[in-house]
Amino acid sequence: MSTIGAITASGITPHAATRLPALDLKGLNPGGAGDKAATGTSDFAGVLSQLASPLIDKQNEAAALTKSVLLGQGAPLHQSVIAMQEASVAFSLMVEVRNKVVEGFQELMRMPV
């Protein structure tokens, strides 16, 4: 299932923005002090990998559909094209989010102490 929707044999699924992965922010310690295991928080890389996993799934799904079409295994061409576009849009979104995070970090570094 995609965040844009999909065309299936039973019809078109609705926009699924509510299916985006939710971040578990309880227990975060904004001060940065304290034991990670005691507070139950994950590191920043873990949060980013959790957010990137749907992107990887979309890319793998698009690659599998494309392979199925190229090998003549009966997958419809339009589903392959739609899956590739969804993966492309998801990747573009992830790049833009990364750019905003880097821009915010650079802005923080420019602030006088």
N, C-alpha and C. Protein backbone atom coordinates (compact mmCIF):
# COMPACT_ATOMS: atom_id res chain seq x y z
N MET A 1 0.84 -1.17 0.00
CA MET A 1 0.00 0.00 0.00
C MET A 1 0.89 1.23 0.00
N SER A 2 0.46 2.24 -0.65
CA SER A 2 1.29 3.43 -0.76
C SER A 2 0.64 4.60 -0.04
N THR A 3 1.41 5.67 0.14
CA THR A 3 0.87 6.86 0.76
C THR A 3 0.07 7.68 -0.24
N ILE A 4 0.18 7.37 -1.51
CA ILE A 4 -0.56 8.09 -2.54
C ILE A 4 -1.87 7.38 -2.85
N GLY A 5 -1.90 6.10 -2.74
CA GLY A 5 -3.06 5.30 -3.10
C GLY A 5 -2.64 4.32 -4.17
N ALA A 6 -3.46 3.36 -4.43
CA ALA A 6 -3.09 2.36 -5.43
C ALA A 6 -4.33 1.89 -6.17
N ILE A 7 -4.11 1.44 -7.38
CA ILE A 7 -5.18 0.87 -8.18
C ILE A 7 -5.07 -0.64 -8.03
N THR A 8 -6.12 -1.25 -7.55
CA THR A 8 -6.13 -2.70 -7.37
C THR A 8 -7.30 -3.27 -8.16
N ALA A 9 -7.43 -4.59 -8.10
CA ALA A 9 -8.53 -5.24 -8.80
C ALA A 9 -9.88 -4.82 -8.23
N SER A 10 -9.90 -4.46 -6.95
CA SER A 10 -11.16 -4.06 -6.33
C SER A 10 -11.45 -2.57 -6.48
N GLY A 11 -10.53 -1.81 -7.03
CA GLY A 11 -10.77 -0.38 -7.22
C GLY A 11 -9.57 0.44 -6.78
N ILE A 12 -9.80 1.71 -6.57
CA ILE A 12 -8.75 2.64 -6.18
C ILE A 12 -8.82 2.83 -4.68
N THR A 13 -7.70 2.65 -4.01
CA THR A 13 -7.68 2.89 -2.57
C THR A 13 -7.55 4.38 -2.33
N PRO A 14 -8.10 4.88 -1.24
CA PRO A 14 -8.04 6.32 -0.97
C PRO A 14 -6.65 6.77 -0.56
N HIS A 15 -6.48 8.08 -0.54
CA HIS A 15 -5.23 8.66 -0.10
C HIS A 15 -4.96 8.16 1.30
N ALA A 16 -3.74 7.73 1.56
CA ALA A 16 -3.44 7.08 2.83
C ALA A 16 -2.40 7.85 3.63
N ALA A 17 -2.56 9.15 3.74
CA ALA A 17 -1.60 9.95 4.50
C ALA A 17 -1.58 9.56 5.96
N THR A 18 -2.65 8.97 6.44
CA THR A 18 -2.69 8.55 7.84
C THR A 18 -1.84 7.32 8.07
N ARG A 19 -1.36 6.67 7.02
CA ARG A 19 -0.55 5.48 7.18
C ARG A 19 0.94 5.79 7.27
N LEU A 20 1.31 7.04 7.35
CA LEU A 20 2.72 7.38 7.49
C LEU A 20 3.22 6.89 8.84
N PRO A 21 4.49 6.49 8.93
CA PRO A 21 4.98 5.97 10.20
C PRO A 21 4.97 7.04 11.27
N ALA A 22 4.53 6.67 12.45
CA ALA A 22 4.47 7.61 13.57
C ALA A 22 5.77 7.53 14.36
N LEU A 23 6.25 8.67 14.79
CA LEU A 23 7.44 8.70 15.61
C LEU A 23 7.06 8.50 17.07
N ASP A 24 7.80 7.67 17.76
CA ASP A 24 7.57 7.45 19.18
C ASP A 24 8.45 8.43 19.93
N LEU A 25 7.85 9.53 20.40
CA LEU A 25 8.63 10.59 21.03
C LEU A 25 8.56 10.55 22.54
N LYS A 26 7.83 9.60 23.12
CA LYS A 26 7.74 9.57 24.58
C LYS A 26 9.08 9.14 25.16
N GLY A 27 9.43 9.78 26.22
CA GLY A 27 10.68 9.45 26.89
C GLY A 27 11.90 10.17 26.33
N LEU A 28 11.71 11.06 25.36
CA LEU A 28 12.86 11.78 24.82
C LEU A 28 13.35 12.78 25.86
N ASN A 29 14.63 12.91 25.95
CA ASN A 29 15.24 13.80 26.92
C ASN A 29 15.88 14.95 26.16
N PRO A 30 15.22 16.12 26.09
CA PRO A 30 15.77 17.21 25.29
C PRO A 30 17.09 17.75 25.82
N GLY A 31 17.39 17.54 27.09
CA GLY A 31 18.65 18.03 27.63
C GLY A 31 19.83 17.22 27.19
N GLY A 32 19.60 16.01 26.74
CA GLY A 32 20.68 15.17 26.27
C GLY A 32 21.39 14.42 27.38
N ALA A 33 21.07 14.73 28.62
CA ALA A 33 21.72 14.04 29.73
C ALA A 33 20.89 12.84 30.13
N GLY A 34 21.54 11.89 30.72
CA GLY A 34 20.81 10.72 31.19
C GLY A 34 21.19 9.49 30.41
N ASP A 35 20.79 8.36 30.94
CA ASP A 35 21.12 7.08 30.33
C ASP A 35 20.11 6.75 29.24
N LYS A 36 20.60 6.39 28.06
CA LYS A 36 19.72 6.06 26.93
C LYS A 36 18.88 4.84 27.25
N ALA A 37 19.45 3.85 27.86
CA ALA A 37 18.72 2.63 28.18
C ALA A 37 17.67 2.89 29.26
N ALA A 38 17.97 3.78 30.19
CA ALA A 38 17.03 4.07 31.27
C ALA A 38 15.82 4.85 30.77
N THR A 39 16.03 5.77 29.83
CA THR A 39 14.93 6.58 29.34
C THR A 39 14.16 5.90 28.22
N GLY A 40 14.74 4.89 27.58
CA GLY A 40 14.05 4.19 26.51
C GLY A 40 14.06 4.93 25.18
N THR A 41 14.95 5.88 25.03
CA THR A 41 15.01 6.65 23.78
C THR A 41 15.93 5.96 22.79
N SER A 42 15.73 6.26 21.54
CA SER A 42 16.64 5.75 20.51
C SER A 42 17.50 6.90 20.01
N ASP A 43 18.60 6.56 19.38
CA ASP A 43 19.48 7.59 18.88
C ASP A 43 18.92 8.19 17.60
N PHE A 44 19.52 9.27 17.17
CA PHE A 44 19.05 9.99 16.00
C PHE A 44 19.12 9.13 14.75
N ALA A 45 20.19 8.35 14.62
CA ALA A 45 20.33 7.47 13.46
C ALA A 45 19.22 6.43 13.43
N GLY A 46 18.81 5.95 14.59
CA GLY A 46 17.72 4.98 14.66
C GLY A 46 16.40 5.58 14.20
N VAL A 47 16.15 6.82 14.58
CA VAL A 47 14.93 7.50 14.15
C VAL A 47 14.94 7.69 12.64
N LEU A 48 16.09 8.09 12.10
CA LEU A 48 16.18 8.30 10.66
C LEU A 48 16.03 6.99 9.89
N SER A 49 16.60 5.92 10.41
CA SER A 49 16.45 4.64 9.71
C SER A 49 15.02 4.14 9.79
N GLN A 50 14.33 4.45 10.89
CA GLN A 50 12.91 4.09 11.00
C GLN A 50 12.09 4.85 9.96
N LEU A 51 12.43 6.10 9.71
CA LEU A 51 11.71 6.89 8.72
C LEU A 51 12.09 6.50 7.30
N ALA A 52 13.29 5.98 7.10
CA ALA A 52 13.75 5.61 5.76
C ALA A 52 13.28 4.22 5.34
N SER A 53 12.86 3.39 6.28
CA SER A 53 12.48 2.03 5.93
C SER A 53 11.29 1.96 4.97
N PRO A 54 10.26 2.82 5.09
CA PRO A 54 9.19 2.78 4.07
C PRO A 54 9.70 3.14 2.67
N LEU A 55 10.68 4.03 2.60
CA LEU A 55 11.27 4.40 1.31
C LEU A 55 11.97 3.20 0.69
N ILE A 56 12.70 2.46 1.48
CA ILE A 56 13.40 1.27 0.98
C ILE A 56 12.38 0.23 0.53
N ASP A 57 11.30 0.08 1.30
CA ASP A 57 10.25 -0.87 0.91
C ASP A 57 9.64 -0.50 -0.44
N LYS A 58 9.38 0.80 -0.64
CA LYS A 58 8.81 1.25 -1.92
C LYS A 58 9.76 0.98 -3.08
N GLN A 59 11.05 1.23 -2.86
CA GLN A 59 12.02 0.99 -3.92
C GLN A 59 12.13 -0.50 -4.24
N ASN A 60 12.10 -1.34 -3.21
CA ASN A 60 12.15 -2.79 -3.44
C ASN A 60 10.90 -3.28 -4.15
N GLU A 61 9.74 -2.74 -3.79
CA GLU A 61 8.49 -3.12 -4.45
C GLU A 61 8.51 -2.72 -5.92
N ALA A 62 8.98 -1.50 -6.20
CA ALA A 62 9.07 -1.03 -7.58
C ALA A 62 10.04 -1.89 -8.39
N ALA A 63 11.16 -2.26 -7.79
CA ALA A 63 12.14 -3.09 -8.50
C ALA A 63 11.56 -4.48 -8.78
N ALA A 64 10.84 -5.04 -7.83
CA ALA A 64 10.24 -6.36 -8.02
C ALA A 64 9.17 -6.34 -9.11
N LEU A 65 8.33 -5.29 -9.12
CA LEU A 65 7.30 -5.17 -10.16
C LEU A 65 7.93 -4.98 -11.54
N THR A 66 8.97 -4.17 -11.61
CA THR A 66 9.65 -3.94 -12.89
C THR A 66 10.29 -5.22 -13.39
N LYS A 67 10.92 -5.95 -12.50
CA LYS A 67 11.52 -7.23 -12.88
C LYS A 67 10.47 -8.19 -13.38
N SER A 68 9.32 -8.21 -12.72
CA SER A 68 8.22 -9.09 -13.13
C SER A 68 7.71 -8.73 -14.52
N VAL A 69 7.61 -7.43 -14.79
CA VAL A 69 7.16 -6.99 -16.12
C VAL A 69 8.19 -7.37 -17.18
N LEU A 70 9.46 -7.13 -16.90
CA LEU A 70 10.51 -7.41 -17.88
C LEU A 70 10.65 -8.91 -18.17
N LEU A 71 10.38 -9.74 -17.17
CA LEU A 71 10.48 -11.18 -17.37
C LEU A 71 9.19 -11.79 -17.93
N GLY A 72 8.17 -10.95 -18.11
CA GLY A 72 6.91 -11.43 -18.68
C GLY A 72 6.13 -12.32 -17.73
N GLN A 73 6.17 -12.04 -16.45
CA GLN A 73 5.50 -12.87 -15.47
C GLN A 73 4.08 -12.40 -15.17
N GLY A 74 3.53 -11.57 -15.99
CA GLY A 74 2.12 -11.20 -15.88
C GLY A 74 1.82 -9.97 -15.06
N ALA A 75 2.82 -9.29 -14.55
CA ALA A 75 2.54 -8.07 -13.79
C ALA A 75 2.17 -6.95 -14.77
N PRO A 76 1.12 -6.20 -14.47
CA PRO A 76 0.72 -5.11 -15.37
C PRO A 76 1.77 -4.00 -15.42
N LEU A 77 1.98 -3.48 -16.59
CA LEU A 77 2.97 -2.43 -16.80
C LEU A 77 2.62 -1.17 -16.01
N HIS A 78 1.33 -0.83 -15.98
CA HIS A 78 0.94 0.41 -15.30
C HIS A 78 1.23 0.34 -13.80
N GLN A 79 1.11 -0.82 -13.17
CA GLN A 79 1.43 -0.93 -11.75
C GLN A 79 2.93 -0.74 -11.52
N SER A 80 3.73 -1.22 -12.45
CA SER A 80 5.17 -1.02 -12.34
C SER A 80 5.53 0.46 -12.45
N VAL A 81 4.92 1.14 -13.40
CA VAL A 81 5.20 2.57 -13.58
C VAL A 81 4.74 3.37 -12.37
N ILE A 82 3.56 3.04 -11.84
CA ILE A 82 3.04 3.74 -10.66
C ILE A 82 3.96 3.51 -9.47
N ALA A 83 4.41 2.28 -9.28
CA ALA A 83 5.31 1.96 -8.17
C ALA A 83 6.64 2.71 -8.30
N MET A 84 7.15 2.82 -9.53
CA MET A 84 8.40 3.56 -9.73
C MET A 84 8.21 5.04 -9.42
N GLN A 85 7.07 5.61 -9.81
CA GLN A 85 6.81 7.02 -9.52
C GLN A 85 6.65 7.25 -8.02
N GLU A 86 5.96 6.35 -7.34
CA GLU A 86 5.80 6.48 -5.89
C GLU A 86 7.16 6.43 -5.19
N ALA A 87 8.02 5.53 -5.62
CA ALA A 87 9.36 5.43 -5.04
C ALA A 87 10.15 6.70 -5.33
N SER A 88 10.00 7.24 -6.52
CA SER A 88 10.70 8.47 -6.88
C SER A 88 10.24 9.65 -6.03
N VAL A 89 8.94 9.77 -5.84
CA VAL A 89 8.40 10.87 -5.02
C VAL A 89 8.83 10.71 -3.57
N ALA A 90 8.80 9.49 -3.06
CA ALA A 90 9.22 9.25 -1.68
C ALA A 90 10.70 9.59 -1.50
N PHE A 91 11.52 9.24 -2.49
CA PHE A 91 12.94 9.56 -2.41
C PHE A 91 13.16 11.07 -2.45
N SER A 92 12.43 11.76 -3.32
CA SER A 92 12.55 13.23 -3.39
C SER A 92 12.15 13.88 -2.08
N LEU A 93 11.09 13.35 -1.45
CA LEU A 93 10.67 13.87 -0.16
C LEU A 93 11.75 13.66 0.89
N MET A 94 12.36 12.49 0.90
CA MET A 94 13.41 12.21 1.87
C MET A 94 14.61 13.13 1.66
N VAL A 95 14.97 13.41 0.42
CA VAL A 95 16.08 14.32 0.14
C VAL A 95 15.75 15.72 0.62
N GLU A 96 14.53 16.17 0.42
CA GLU A 96 14.14 17.51 0.87
C GLU A 96 14.14 17.60 2.40
N VAL A 97 13.69 16.55 3.06
CA VAL A 97 13.72 16.54 4.53
C VAL A 97 15.17 16.61 5.02
N ARG A 98 16.05 15.83 4.37
CA ARG A 98 17.46 15.87 4.72
C ARG A 98 18.03 17.27 4.54
N ASN A 99 17.68 17.91 3.41
CA ASN A 99 18.17 19.27 3.15
C ASN A 99 17.71 20.24 4.22
N LYS A 100 16.46 20.12 4.67
CA LYS A 100 15.95 21.01 5.72
C LYS A 100 16.65 20.76 7.05
N VAL A 101 16.94 19.51 7.37
CA VAL A 101 17.65 19.20 8.61
C VAL A 101 19.06 19.79 8.56
N VAL A 102 19.75 19.63 7.45
CA VAL A 102 21.10 20.19 7.31
C VAL A 102 21.04 21.71 7.37
N GLU A 103 20.06 22.30 6.73
CA GLU A 103 19.91 23.76 6.76
C GLU A 103 19.66 24.25 8.19
N GLY A 104 18.83 23.54 8.93
CA GLY A 104 18.58 23.91 10.33
C GLY A 104 19.82 23.78 11.18
N PHE A 105 20.59 22.72 10.97
CA PHE A 105 21.84 22.54 11.70
C PHE A 105 22.81 23.67 11.39
N GLN A 106 22.93 24.03 10.12
CA GLN A 106 23.83 25.11 9.75
C GLN A 106 23.39 26.44 10.36
N GLU A 107 22.08 26.66 10.44
CA GLU A 107 21.56 27.88 11.06
C GLU A 107 21.90 27.91 12.55
N LEU A 108 21.79 26.77 13.20
CA LEU A 108 22.17 26.70 14.62
C LEU A 108 23.65 26.97 14.82
N MET A 109 24.47 26.48 13.91
CA MET A 109 25.91 26.69 14.04
C MET A 109 26.30 28.15 13.82
N ARG A 110 25.49 28.89 13.07
CA ARG A 110 25.77 30.31 12.81
C ARG A 110 25.35 31.21 13.98
N MET A 111 24.57 30.67 14.90
CA MET A 111 24.08 31.50 16.01
C MET A 111 25.23 31.85 16.95
N PRO A 112 25.25 33.11 17.42
CA PRO A 112 26.30 33.46 18.39
C PRO A 112 26.02 32.82 19.74
N VAL A 113 27.09 32.50 20.42
CA VAL A 113 26.95 31.82 21.72
C VAL A 113 26.83 32.78 22.84
